[in-house]
């Protein structure tokens, strides 16, 4: 982007601005793609700039010149196709699409309106936190599944034994406490994320 500065007498200076990538952007895209996620770039910027950025990041699908309405329409189309969409944005024009996404993340340095519409805010403004968030969500889901399987399995075996009198009440109580302890200890594994 070039901005020309002048006064009534004529031209004074031309200032050129060039956008730079956030640090770690390519690494985050690579990590997300390695998890099997499809990464798309939807931007209001001009086509050539968006194409260059997508190429630099290794993103195949991109849309340039997208208005806020265009972003939400594209998101709605993805959702209608059955996709769960994680949207990351930081601008005023990202607020509508952030509010519509299945999960949305705003950057801590972004517009307050975008932050108010997001499910999560990356306070550090580091894109690597988005990758960490996806990892944490996946691990949390695995732990929840494991705990549900354990609890259902234990109850399917212990409750009939206790109800039929084949297990004394004190043993059933100890078993229930032990089962709860197993669930809590399994959940503590999540503290190691990051």
N, C-alpha and C. Protein backbone atom coordinates (compact mmCIF):
# COMPACT_ATOMS: atom_id res chain seq x y z
N UNK A 1 0.86 -1.17 0.00
CA UNK A 1 0.00 0.00 0.00
C UNK A 1 0.90 1.23 0.00
N UNK A 2 0.59 2.15 -0.85
CA UNK A 2 1.35 3.40 -0.91
C UNK A 2 0.44 4.57 -0.57
N UNK A 3 0.97 5.47 0.23
CA UNK A 3 0.24 6.68 0.61
C UNK A 3 1.09 7.86 0.19
N UNK A 4 0.48 8.75 -0.59
CA UNK A 4 1.18 9.96 -1.01
C UNK A 4 0.77 11.11 -0.12
N UNK A 5 1.75 11.88 0.31
CA UNK A 5 1.50 13.01 1.19
C UNK A 5 1.84 14.28 0.41
N UNK A 6 0.89 15.23 0.49
CA UNK A 6 1.13 16.48 -0.24
C UNK A 6 0.56 17.65 0.55
N UNK A 7 0.93 18.84 0.14
CA UNK A 7 0.33 20.06 0.68
C UNK A 7 -0.10 20.90 -0.53
N UNK A 8 -0.62 22.09 -0.31
CA UNK A 8 -1.08 22.88 -1.46
C UNK A 8 0.01 23.14 -2.50
N UNK A 9 1.25 23.08 -2.09
CA UNK A 9 2.34 23.33 -3.04
C UNK A 9 2.66 22.11 -3.89
N UNK A 10 2.20 20.92 -3.47
CA UNK A 10 2.48 19.72 -4.24
C UNK A 10 2.92 18.54 -3.39
N UNK A 11 3.49 17.57 -4.08
CA UNK A 11 3.90 16.31 -3.47
C UNK A 11 5.00 16.52 -2.44
N UNK A 12 4.89 15.83 -1.28
CA UNK A 12 5.92 15.90 -0.25
C UNK A 12 6.65 14.57 -0.10
N UNK A 13 5.88 13.50 -0.06
CA UNK A 13 6.50 12.19 0.16
C UNK A 13 5.54 11.08 -0.19
N UNK A 14 6.09 9.92 -0.42
CA UNK A 14 5.31 8.70 -0.62
C UNK A 14 5.77 7.70 0.42
N UNK A 15 4.81 7.15 1.15
CA UNK A 15 5.12 6.16 2.18
C UNK A 15 4.55 4.83 1.75
N UNK A 16 5.36 3.80 1.78
CA UNK A 16 4.90 2.47 1.42
C UNK A 16 4.73 1.63 2.67
N UNK A 17 3.61 0.92 2.74
CA UNK A 17 3.33 0.01 3.84
C UNK A 17 3.25 -1.41 3.30
N UNK A 18 3.83 -2.31 4.02
CA UNK A 18 3.75 -3.71 3.63
C UNK A 18 3.37 -4.53 4.85
N UNK A 19 2.36 -5.40 4.68
CA UNK A 19 1.95 -6.23 5.80
C UNK A 19 2.99 -7.32 6.03
N UNK A 20 3.19 -7.63 7.28
CA UNK A 20 4.10 -8.73 7.61
C UNK A 20 3.32 -9.81 8.33
N UNK A 21 3.80 -11.01 8.21
CA UNK A 21 3.16 -12.14 8.88
C UNK A 21 3.41 -12.08 10.37
N UNK A 22 2.42 -12.53 11.13
CA UNK A 22 2.65 -12.70 12.57
C UNK A 22 3.70 -13.80 12.72
N UNK A 23 4.52 -13.66 13.74
CA UNK A 23 5.56 -14.66 13.94
C UNK A 23 4.91 -16.01 14.21
N UNK A 24 5.45 -17.02 13.60
CA UNK A 24 4.97 -18.38 13.80
C UNK A 24 3.75 -18.75 12.99
N UNK A 25 3.28 -17.87 12.10
CA UNK A 25 2.06 -18.13 11.33
C UNK A 25 2.19 -19.39 10.48
N UNK A 26 3.30 -19.53 9.77
CA UNK A 26 3.47 -20.70 8.90
C UNK A 26 3.51 -21.97 9.72
N UNK A 27 4.18 -21.94 10.87
CA UNK A 27 4.27 -23.12 11.73
C UNK A 27 2.88 -23.54 12.22
N UNK A 28 2.07 -22.56 12.59
CA UNK A 28 0.72 -22.87 13.08
C UNK A 28 -0.12 -23.51 11.98
N UNK A 29 -0.05 -22.94 10.78
CA UNK A 29 -0.80 -23.51 9.65
C UNK A 29 -0.35 -24.95 9.40
N UNK A 30 0.94 -25.18 9.41
CA UNK A 30 1.48 -26.52 9.20
C UNK A 30 1.01 -27.48 10.29
N UNK A 31 1.02 -27.03 11.55
CA UNK A 31 0.57 -27.88 12.66
C UNK A 31 -0.92 -28.22 12.53
N UNK A 32 -1.73 -27.24 12.18
CA UNK A 32 -3.16 -27.49 12.03
C UNK A 32 -3.43 -28.45 10.87
N UNK A 33 -2.71 -28.26 9.78
CA UNK A 33 -2.88 -29.15 8.64
C UNK A 33 -2.41 -30.56 8.98
N UNK A 34 -1.36 -30.68 9.79
CA UNK A 34 -0.88 -32.00 10.21
C UNK A 34 -1.90 -32.73 11.08
N UNK A 35 -2.77 -31.99 11.75
CA UNK A 35 -3.85 -32.58 12.55
C UNK A 35 -5.04 -32.99 11.68
N UNK A 36 -4.93 -32.77 10.38
CA UNK A 36 -6.00 -33.13 9.47
C UNK A 36 -7.03 -32.04 9.26
N UNK A 37 -6.74 -30.83 9.76
CA UNK A 37 -7.66 -29.72 9.59
C UNK A 37 -7.40 -29.02 8.26
N UNK A 38 -8.46 -28.56 7.63
CA UNK A 38 -8.34 -27.79 6.39
C UNK A 38 -8.29 -26.32 6.78
N UNK A 39 -7.24 -25.65 6.39
CA UNK A 39 -7.07 -24.24 6.72
C UNK A 39 -7.41 -23.40 5.49
N UNK A 40 -8.28 -22.42 5.68
CA UNK A 40 -8.65 -21.51 4.61
C UNK A 40 -8.34 -20.08 5.05
N UNK A 41 -8.05 -19.25 4.09
CA UNK A 41 -7.80 -17.83 4.34
C UNK A 41 -8.91 -17.04 3.68
N UNK A 42 -9.69 -16.32 4.49
CA UNK A 42 -10.77 -15.49 3.97
C UNK A 42 -10.47 -14.07 4.43
N UNK A 43 -10.23 -13.18 3.46
CA UNK A 43 -9.76 -11.84 3.79
C UNK A 43 -10.46 -10.79 2.95
N UNK A 44 -10.55 -9.61 3.50
CA UNK A 44 -11.08 -8.48 2.77
C UNK A 44 -10.03 -7.78 1.92
N UNK A 45 -8.80 -8.23 2.02
CA UNK A 45 -7.70 -7.59 1.28
C UNK A 45 -7.78 -7.93 -0.21
N UNK A 46 -6.94 -7.24 -0.98
CA UNK A 46 -6.93 -7.41 -2.43
C UNK A 46 -6.41 -8.79 -2.82
N UNK A 47 -6.85 -9.23 -3.98
CA UNK A 47 -6.60 -10.59 -4.45
C UNK A 47 -5.11 -10.96 -4.47
N UNK A 48 -4.28 -10.10 -5.02
CA UNK A 48 -2.86 -10.44 -5.15
C UNK A 48 -2.19 -10.60 -3.79
N UNK A 49 -2.51 -9.71 -2.85
CA UNK A 49 -1.92 -9.80 -1.52
C UNK A 49 -2.37 -11.08 -0.81
N UNK A 50 -3.65 -11.43 -0.93
CA UNK A 50 -4.18 -12.63 -0.27
C UNK A 50 -3.58 -13.89 -0.92
N UNK A 51 -3.46 -13.87 -2.24
CA UNK A 51 -2.87 -15.01 -2.94
C UNK A 51 -1.42 -15.21 -2.51
N UNK A 52 -0.66 -14.14 -2.40
CA UNK A 52 0.74 -14.23 -1.98
C UNK A 52 0.84 -14.76 -0.54
N UNK A 53 -0.03 -14.27 0.32
CA UNK A 53 -0.03 -14.71 1.71
C UNK A 53 -0.39 -16.19 1.81
N UNK A 54 -1.43 -16.59 1.08
CA UNK A 54 -1.83 -18.00 1.09
C UNK A 54 -0.70 -18.89 0.59
N UNK A 55 -0.03 -18.46 -0.45
CA UNK A 55 1.08 -19.23 -1.02
C UNK A 55 2.22 -19.34 -0.01
N UNK A 56 2.53 -18.25 0.66
CA UNK A 56 3.60 -18.24 1.66
C UNK A 56 3.28 -19.20 2.81
N UNK A 57 2.02 -19.24 3.21
CA UNK A 57 1.61 -20.06 4.35
C UNK A 57 1.31 -21.51 3.97
N UNK A 58 1.22 -21.80 2.68
CA UNK A 58 0.89 -23.16 2.27
C UNK A 58 -0.60 -23.45 2.37
N UNK A 59 -1.41 -22.42 2.14
CA UNK A 59 -2.86 -22.57 2.19
C UNK A 59 -3.39 -22.62 0.76
N UNK A 60 -4.12 -23.69 0.44
CA UNK A 60 -4.64 -23.85 -0.92
C UNK A 60 -5.92 -23.08 -1.17
N UNK A 61 -6.81 -23.03 -0.18
CA UNK A 61 -8.12 -22.40 -0.36
C UNK A 61 -8.10 -21.00 0.25
N UNK A 62 -8.39 -20.01 -0.57
CA UNK A 62 -8.42 -18.63 -0.06
C UNK A 62 -9.46 -17.83 -0.82
N UNK A 63 -9.97 -16.82 -0.14
CA UNK A 63 -10.94 -15.89 -0.73
C UNK A 63 -10.45 -14.48 -0.43
N UNK A 64 -10.39 -13.66 -1.45
CA UNK A 64 -9.95 -12.27 -1.29
C UNK A 64 -11.14 -11.34 -1.49
N UNK A 65 -11.02 -10.12 -0.99
CA UNK A 65 -12.06 -9.12 -1.18
C UNK A 65 -13.37 -9.45 -0.48
N UNK A 66 -13.29 -10.25 0.57
CA UNK A 66 -14.50 -10.69 1.26
C UNK A 66 -15.03 -9.60 2.19
N UNK A 67 -16.29 -9.26 2.03
CA UNK A 67 -16.95 -8.34 2.94
C UNK A 67 -17.36 -9.12 4.19
N UNK A 68 -17.76 -8.45 5.26
CA UNK A 68 -18.27 -9.19 6.42
C UNK A 68 -19.41 -10.13 6.04
N UNK A 69 -20.30 -9.68 5.15
CA UNK A 69 -21.40 -10.53 4.70
C UNK A 69 -20.88 -11.71 3.89
N UNK A 70 -19.86 -11.48 3.09
CA UNK A 70 -19.26 -12.57 2.30
C UNK A 70 -18.61 -13.61 3.18
N UNK A 71 -17.98 -13.16 4.26
CA UNK A 71 -17.35 -14.09 5.20
C UNK A 71 -18.40 -14.95 5.88
N UNK A 72 -19.49 -14.34 6.33
CA UNK A 72 -20.53 -15.12 7.00
C UNK A 72 -21.23 -16.06 6.03
N UNK A 73 -21.40 -15.63 4.77
CA UNK A 73 -22.02 -16.50 3.76
C UNK A 73 -21.13 -17.71 3.49
N UNK A 74 -19.82 -17.49 3.40
CA UNK A 74 -18.89 -18.60 3.17
C UNK A 74 -18.91 -19.56 4.35
N UNK A 75 -18.92 -19.02 5.55
CA UNK A 75 -18.98 -19.85 6.76
C UNK A 75 -20.26 -20.67 6.78
N UNK A 76 -21.38 -20.03 6.47
CA UNK A 76 -22.67 -20.74 6.45
C UNK A 76 -22.66 -21.88 5.44
N UNK A 77 -22.02 -21.65 4.30
CA UNK A 77 -21.92 -22.70 3.28
C UNK A 77 -21.11 -23.88 3.81
N UNK A 78 -20.00 -23.60 4.48
CA UNK A 78 -19.20 -24.68 5.05
C UNK A 78 -19.99 -25.47 6.10
N UNK A 79 -20.74 -24.74 6.93
CA UNK A 79 -21.54 -25.39 7.97
C UNK A 79 -22.66 -26.23 7.36
N UNK A 80 -23.26 -25.75 6.28
CA UNK A 80 -24.31 -26.52 5.60
C UNK A 80 -23.76 -27.80 5.00
N UNK A 81 -22.48 -27.80 4.66
CA UNK A 81 -21.83 -29.00 4.14
C UNK A 81 -21.43 -29.96 5.25
N UNK A 82 -21.72 -29.57 6.50
CA UNK A 82 -21.45 -30.45 7.63
C UNK A 82 -20.13 -30.20 8.33
N UNK A 83 -19.44 -29.13 7.98
CA UNK A 83 -18.15 -28.84 8.59
C UNK A 83 -18.32 -28.09 9.91
N UNK A 84 -17.47 -28.40 10.86
CA UNK A 84 -17.36 -27.64 12.10
C UNK A 84 -16.25 -26.62 11.87
N UNK A 85 -16.54 -25.35 12.06
CA UNK A 85 -15.61 -24.30 11.66
C UNK A 85 -15.05 -23.57 12.87
N UNK A 86 -13.71 -23.50 12.92
CA UNK A 86 -12.99 -22.67 13.89
C UNK A 86 -12.55 -21.43 13.13
N UNK A 87 -12.99 -20.27 13.58
CA UNK A 87 -12.66 -19.00 12.93
C UNK A 87 -11.72 -18.22 13.82
N UNK A 88 -10.66 -17.69 13.22
CA UNK A 88 -9.72 -16.83 13.94
C UNK A 88 -9.75 -15.47 13.25
N UNK A 89 -9.95 -14.42 14.04
CA UNK A 89 -10.00 -13.08 13.46
C UNK A 89 -9.66 -12.02 14.48
N UNK A 90 -9.40 -10.82 14.00
CA UNK A 90 -9.06 -9.74 14.94
C UNK A 90 -9.61 -8.38 14.56
N UNK A 91 -10.28 -8.30 13.42
CA UNK A 91 -10.75 -7.00 12.96
C UNK A 91 -12.22 -6.75 13.25
N UNK A 92 -12.62 -5.50 13.11
CA UNK A 92 -14.03 -5.14 13.26
C UNK A 92 -14.91 -5.93 12.31
N UNK A 93 -14.43 -6.09 11.08
CA UNK A 93 -15.21 -6.80 10.07
C UNK A 93 -15.28 -8.31 10.31
N UNK A 94 -14.54 -8.81 11.30
CA UNK A 94 -14.59 -10.23 11.63
C UNK A 94 -15.64 -10.57 12.67
N UNK A 95 -16.19 -9.56 13.34
CA UNK A 95 -17.13 -9.79 14.43
C UNK A 95 -18.34 -10.64 14.01
N UNK A 96 -19.00 -10.34 12.87
CA UNK A 96 -20.16 -11.17 12.51
C UNK A 96 -19.82 -12.63 12.28
N UNK A 97 -18.72 -12.88 11.60
CA UNK A 97 -18.35 -14.27 11.30
C UNK A 97 -17.86 -14.99 12.55
N UNK A 98 -17.23 -14.27 13.46
CA UNK A 98 -16.80 -14.88 14.73
C UNK A 98 -18.01 -15.34 15.54
N UNK A 99 -19.06 -14.53 15.51
CA UNK A 99 -20.25 -14.90 16.30
C UNK A 99 -20.98 -16.08 15.68
N UNK A 100 -20.80 -16.33 14.39
CA UNK A 100 -21.50 -17.41 13.69
C UNK A 100 -20.71 -18.72 13.68
N UNK A 101 -19.41 -18.67 13.89
CA UNK A 101 -18.58 -19.87 13.80
C UNK A 101 -18.91 -20.85 14.92
N UNK A 102 -18.61 -22.13 14.67
CA UNK A 102 -18.82 -23.14 15.71
C UNK A 102 -17.93 -22.85 16.91
N UNK A 103 -16.70 -22.46 16.64
CA UNK A 103 -15.76 -22.01 17.67
C UNK A 103 -15.02 -20.82 17.09
N UNK A 104 -14.87 -19.76 17.88
CA UNK A 104 -14.18 -18.59 17.36
C UNK A 104 -13.13 -18.10 18.34
N UNK A 105 -12.05 -17.59 17.76
CA UNK A 105 -10.92 -17.10 18.54
C UNK A 105 -10.56 -15.71 18.03
N UNK A 106 -10.46 -14.76 18.95
CA UNK A 106 -10.01 -13.41 18.61
C UNK A 106 -8.63 -13.20 19.22
N UNK A 107 -7.85 -12.39 18.58
CA UNK A 107 -6.53 -12.08 19.08
C UNK A 107 -6.63 -10.95 20.11
N UNK A 108 -5.79 -11.01 21.13
CA UNK A 108 -5.81 -10.04 22.21
C UNK A 108 -5.50 -8.62 21.77
N UNK A 109 -4.84 -8.47 20.64
CA UNK A 109 -4.52 -7.14 20.13
C UNK A 109 -5.55 -6.65 19.14
N UNK A 110 -6.60 -7.45 18.93
CA UNK A 110 -7.61 -7.12 17.93
C UNK A 110 -8.66 -6.15 18.46
N UNK A 111 -9.62 -5.91 17.60
CA UNK A 111 -10.71 -4.98 17.92
C UNK A 111 -11.56 -5.53 19.07
N UNK A 112 -12.02 -4.62 19.92
CA UNK A 112 -12.84 -5.01 21.07
C UNK A 112 -14.13 -5.69 20.62
N UNK A 113 -14.71 -5.26 19.50
CA UNK A 113 -15.93 -5.87 19.01
C UNK A 113 -15.68 -7.32 18.59
N UNK A 114 -14.56 -7.58 17.95
CA UNK A 114 -14.21 -8.96 17.57
C UNK A 114 -14.05 -9.81 18.83
N UNK A 115 -13.39 -9.27 19.83
CA UNK A 115 -13.19 -10.01 21.07
C UNK A 115 -14.51 -10.32 21.76
N UNK A 116 -15.45 -9.39 21.70
CA UNK A 116 -16.74 -9.60 22.37
C UNK A 116 -17.56 -10.69 21.70
N UNK A 117 -17.29 -10.99 20.44
CA UNK A 117 -18.05 -12.01 19.71
C UNK A 117 -17.36 -13.37 19.71
N UNK A 118 -16.14 -13.44 20.21
CA UNK A 118 -15.36 -14.67 20.16
C UNK A 118 -15.62 -15.56 21.37
N UNK A 119 -15.41 -16.86 21.17
CA UNK A 119 -15.52 -17.83 22.26
C UNK A 119 -14.28 -17.80 23.13
N UNK A 120 -13.15 -17.49 22.52
CA UNK A 120 -11.87 -17.45 23.25
C UNK A 120 -11.05 -16.27 22.74
N UNK A 121 -10.22 -15.74 23.61
CA UNK A 121 -9.34 -14.64 23.23
C UNK A 121 -7.91 -15.05 23.56
N UNK A 122 -7.05 -14.95 22.56
CA UNK A 122 -5.64 -15.24 22.76
C UNK A 122 -4.98 -13.97 23.26
N UNK A 123 -4.77 -13.87 24.56
CA UNK A 123 -4.25 -12.65 25.17
C UNK A 123 -2.83 -12.33 24.72
N UNK A 124 -2.04 -13.36 24.47
CA UNK A 124 -0.64 -13.12 24.09
C UNK A 124 -0.50 -12.61 22.66
N UNK A 125 -1.57 -12.72 21.87
CA UNK A 125 -1.56 -12.34 20.46
C UNK A 125 -0.61 -13.20 19.63
N UNK A 126 -0.21 -14.35 20.17
CA UNK A 126 0.65 -15.28 19.45
C UNK A 126 -0.21 -16.35 18.78
N UNK A 127 -0.07 -16.54 17.49
CA UNK A 127 -0.86 -17.53 16.78
C UNK A 127 -0.60 -18.95 17.27
N UNK A 128 0.57 -19.18 17.86
CA UNK A 128 0.87 -20.51 18.38
C UNK A 128 -0.13 -20.93 19.44
N UNK A 129 -0.76 -19.96 20.11
CA UNK A 129 -1.77 -20.26 21.12
C UNK A 129 -3.01 -20.89 20.48
N UNK A 130 -3.29 -20.58 19.22
CA UNK A 130 -4.42 -21.18 18.53
C UNK A 130 -4.17 -22.68 18.35
N UNK A 131 -2.96 -23.02 17.96
CA UNK A 131 -2.60 -24.44 17.81
C UNK A 131 -2.69 -25.16 19.15
N UNK A 132 -2.23 -24.50 20.21
CA UNK A 132 -2.31 -25.07 21.56
C UNK A 132 -3.76 -25.26 21.98
N UNK A 133 -4.61 -24.31 21.63
CA UNK A 133 -6.03 -24.40 21.95
C UNK A 133 -6.67 -25.61 21.27
N UNK A 134 -6.34 -25.84 20.02
CA UNK A 134 -6.87 -26.99 19.28
C UNK A 134 -6.37 -28.28 19.92
N UNK A 135 -5.09 -28.32 20.29
CA UNK A 135 -4.53 -29.50 20.96
C UNK A 135 -5.24 -29.76 22.29
N UNK A 136 -5.43 -28.72 23.08
CA UNK A 136 -6.08 -28.85 24.39
C UNK A 136 -7.52 -29.34 24.23
N UNK A 137 -8.22 -28.83 23.24
CA UNK A 137 -9.60 -29.25 23.01
C UNK A 137 -9.66 -30.74 22.66
N UNK A 138 -8.75 -31.18 21.80
CA UNK A 138 -8.71 -32.60 21.42
C UNK A 138 -8.40 -33.50 22.60
N UNK A 139 -7.41 -33.12 23.39
CA UNK A 139 -7.06 -33.93 24.56
C UNK A 139 -8.17 -33.93 25.60
N UNK A 140 -8.83 -32.79 25.78
CA UNK A 140 -9.95 -32.71 26.73
C UNK A 140 -11.08 -33.64 26.30
N UNK A 141 -11.39 -33.64 25.02
CA UNK A 141 -12.43 -34.52 24.51
C UNK A 141 -12.07 -35.98 24.74
N UNK A 142 -10.80 -36.34 24.53
CA UNK A 142 -10.36 -37.72 24.78
C UNK A 142 -10.51 -38.10 26.25
N UNK A 143 -10.15 -37.20 27.15
CA UNK A 143 -10.27 -37.49 28.58
C UNK A 143 -11.73 -37.62 28.99
N UNK A 144 -12.59 -36.76 28.45
CA UNK A 144 -14.02 -36.86 28.76
C UNK A 144 -14.56 -38.21 28.30
N UNK A 145 -14.19 -38.63 27.10
CA UNK A 145 -14.64 -39.94 26.59
C UNK A 145 -14.14 -41.07 27.48
N UNK A 146 -12.85 -41.02 27.84
CA UNK A 146 -12.29 -42.07 28.70
C UNK A 146 -13.02 -42.13 30.04
N UNK A 147 -13.29 -40.96 30.62
CA UNK A 147 -13.97 -40.92 31.92
C UNK A 147 -15.40 -41.43 31.82
N UNK A 148 -16.09 -41.10 30.73
CA UNK A 148 -17.44 -41.62 30.55
C UNK A 148 -17.45 -43.13 30.38
N UNK A 149 -16.52 -43.63 29.60
CA UNK A 149 -16.44 -45.09 29.40
C UNK A 149 -16.15 -45.78 30.73
N UNK A 150 -15.21 -45.23 31.50
CA UNK A 150 -14.88 -45.81 32.80
C UNK A 150 -16.10 -45.80 33.73
N UNK A 151 -16.76 -44.65 33.82
CA UNK A 151 -17.91 -44.51 34.73
C UNK A 151 -19.05 -45.42 34.32
N UNK A 152 -19.34 -45.49 33.03
CA UNK A 152 -20.41 -46.37 32.56
C UNK A 152 -20.06 -47.83 32.80
N UNK A 153 -18.83 -48.19 32.52
CA UNK A 153 -18.39 -49.57 32.73
C UNK A 153 -18.46 -49.97 34.19
N UNK A 154 -17.94 -49.10 35.04
CA UNK A 154 -17.96 -49.40 36.47
C UNK A 154 -19.40 -49.54 36.98
N UNK A 155 -20.25 -48.58 36.61
CA UNK A 155 -21.64 -48.61 37.07
C UNK A 155 -22.41 -49.80 36.50
N UNK A 156 -22.11 -50.18 35.26
CA UNK A 156 -22.79 -51.33 34.66
C UNK A 156 -22.47 -52.62 35.41
N UNK A 157 -21.29 -52.68 36.00
CA UNK A 157 -20.89 -53.89 36.74
C UNK A 157 -21.25 -53.78 38.22
N UNK A 158 -20.89 -52.67 38.84
CA UNK A 158 -21.03 -52.55 40.30
C UNK A 158 -22.47 -52.37 40.77
N UNK A 159 -23.27 -51.58 40.05
CA UNK A 159 -24.64 -51.31 40.51
C UNK A 159 -25.47 -52.60 40.57
N UNK A 160 -25.45 -53.43 39.53
CA UNK A 160 -26.23 -54.68 39.64
C UNK A 160 -25.75 -55.58 40.80
N UNK A 161 -24.43 -55.65 41.01
CA UNK A 161 -23.90 -56.45 42.13
C UNK A 161 -24.39 -55.89 43.47
N UNK A 162 -24.33 -54.57 43.60
CA UNK A 162 -24.75 -53.94 44.85
C UNK A 162 -26.26 -54.08 45.05
N UNK A 163 -27.04 -53.90 43.97
CA UNK A 163 -28.50 -53.98 44.08
C UNK A 163 -28.97 -55.40 44.39
N UNK A 164 -28.24 -56.40 43.90
CA UNK A 164 -28.64 -57.79 44.14
C UNK A 164 -28.14 -58.33 45.48
N UNK A 165 -27.32 -57.54 46.15
CA UNK A 165 -26.80 -57.97 47.44
C UNK A 165 -25.52 -58.79 47.35
N UNK A 166 -24.98 -58.96 46.17
CA UNK A 166 -23.74 -59.72 46.00
C UNK A 166 -22.52 -58.90 46.43
N UNK A 167 -22.72 -57.61 46.63
CA UNK A 167 -21.61 -56.75 47.08
C UNK A 167 -22.12 -55.98 48.31
N UNK A 168 -21.39 -56.03 49.40
CA UNK A 168 -21.85 -55.31 50.59
C UNK A 168 -21.80 -53.79 50.35
N UNK A 169 -22.68 -53.03 51.01
CA UNK A 169 -22.74 -51.58 50.80
C UNK A 169 -21.41 -50.87 51.05
N UNK A 170 -20.65 -51.30 52.07
CA UNK A 170 -19.37 -50.64 52.35
C UNK A 170 -18.40 -50.81 51.18
N UNK A 171 -18.42 -52.00 50.54
CA UNK A 171 -17.53 -52.24 49.40
C UNK A 171 -17.98 -51.42 48.19
N UNK A 172 -19.30 -51.31 48.00
CA UNK A 172 -19.82 -50.49 46.90
C UNK A 172 -19.42 -49.03 47.09
N UNK A 173 -19.47 -48.53 48.34
CA UNK A 173 -19.06 -47.16 48.64
C UNK A 173 -17.59 -46.93 48.36
N UNK A 174 -16.75 -47.88 48.77
CA UNK A 174 -15.31 -47.78 48.49
C UNK A 174 -15.06 -47.81 46.98
N UNK A 175 -15.79 -48.70 46.31
CA UNK A 175 -15.65 -48.80 44.85
C UNK A 175 -16.04 -47.50 44.15
N UNK A 176 -17.13 -46.88 44.61
CA UNK A 176 -17.58 -45.62 44.00
C UNK A 176 -16.55 -44.51 44.24
N UNK A 177 -16.00 -44.46 45.46
CA UNK A 177 -14.97 -43.45 45.76
C UNK A 177 -13.73 -43.69 44.90
N UNK A 178 -13.34 -44.96 44.74
CA UNK A 178 -12.17 -45.29 43.91
C UNK A 178 -12.43 -44.92 42.45
N UNK A 179 -13.65 -45.17 41.99
CA UNK A 179 -14.01 -44.82 40.62
C UNK A 179 -13.91 -43.31 40.40
N UNK A 180 -14.39 -42.54 41.36
CA UNK A 180 -14.30 -41.07 41.26
C UNK A 180 -12.85 -40.62 41.26
N UNK A 181 -12.01 -41.27 42.06
CA UNK A 181 -10.59 -40.93 42.11
C UNK A 181 -9.92 -41.20 40.77
N UNK A 182 -10.26 -42.31 40.14
CA UNK A 182 -9.70 -42.64 38.82
C UNK A 182 -10.07 -41.55 37.81
N UNK A 183 -11.33 -41.10 37.83
CA UNK A 183 -11.80 -40.07 36.91
C UNK A 183 -11.03 -38.76 37.14
N UNK A 184 -10.85 -38.37 38.40
CA UNK A 184 -10.15 -37.12 38.71
C UNK A 184 -8.68 -37.21 38.29
N UNK A 185 -8.03 -38.33 38.60
CA UNK A 185 -6.62 -38.50 38.23
C UNK A 185 -6.44 -38.48 36.72
N UNK A 186 -7.38 -39.08 36.00
CA UNK A 186 -7.32 -39.07 34.54
C UNK A 186 -7.46 -37.64 34.02
N UNK A 187 -8.35 -36.86 34.62
CA UNK A 187 -8.55 -35.48 34.20
C UNK A 187 -7.31 -34.62 34.48
N UNK A 188 -6.55 -34.96 35.51
CA UNK A 188 -5.36 -34.18 35.85
C UNK A 188 -4.29 -34.26 34.76
N UNK A 189 -4.39 -35.24 33.86
CA UNK A 189 -3.44 -35.31 32.75
C UNK A 189 -3.48 -34.05 31.90
N UNK A 190 -4.61 -33.37 31.91
CA UNK A 190 -4.77 -32.18 31.08
C UNK A 190 -3.89 -31.03 31.55
N UNK A 191 -3.40 -31.10 32.77
CA UNK A 191 -2.53 -30.03 33.28
C UNK A 191 -1.21 -29.97 32.51
N UNK A 192 -0.85 -31.05 31.83
CA UNK A 192 0.43 -31.10 31.12
C UNK A 192 0.38 -30.46 29.73
N UNK A 193 -0.80 -30.01 29.32
CA UNK A 193 -0.91 -29.41 27.97
C UNK A 193 -0.16 -28.09 27.96
N UNK A 194 0.60 -27.89 26.89
CA UNK A 194 1.29 -26.63 26.71
C UNK A 194 2.70 -26.72 27.12
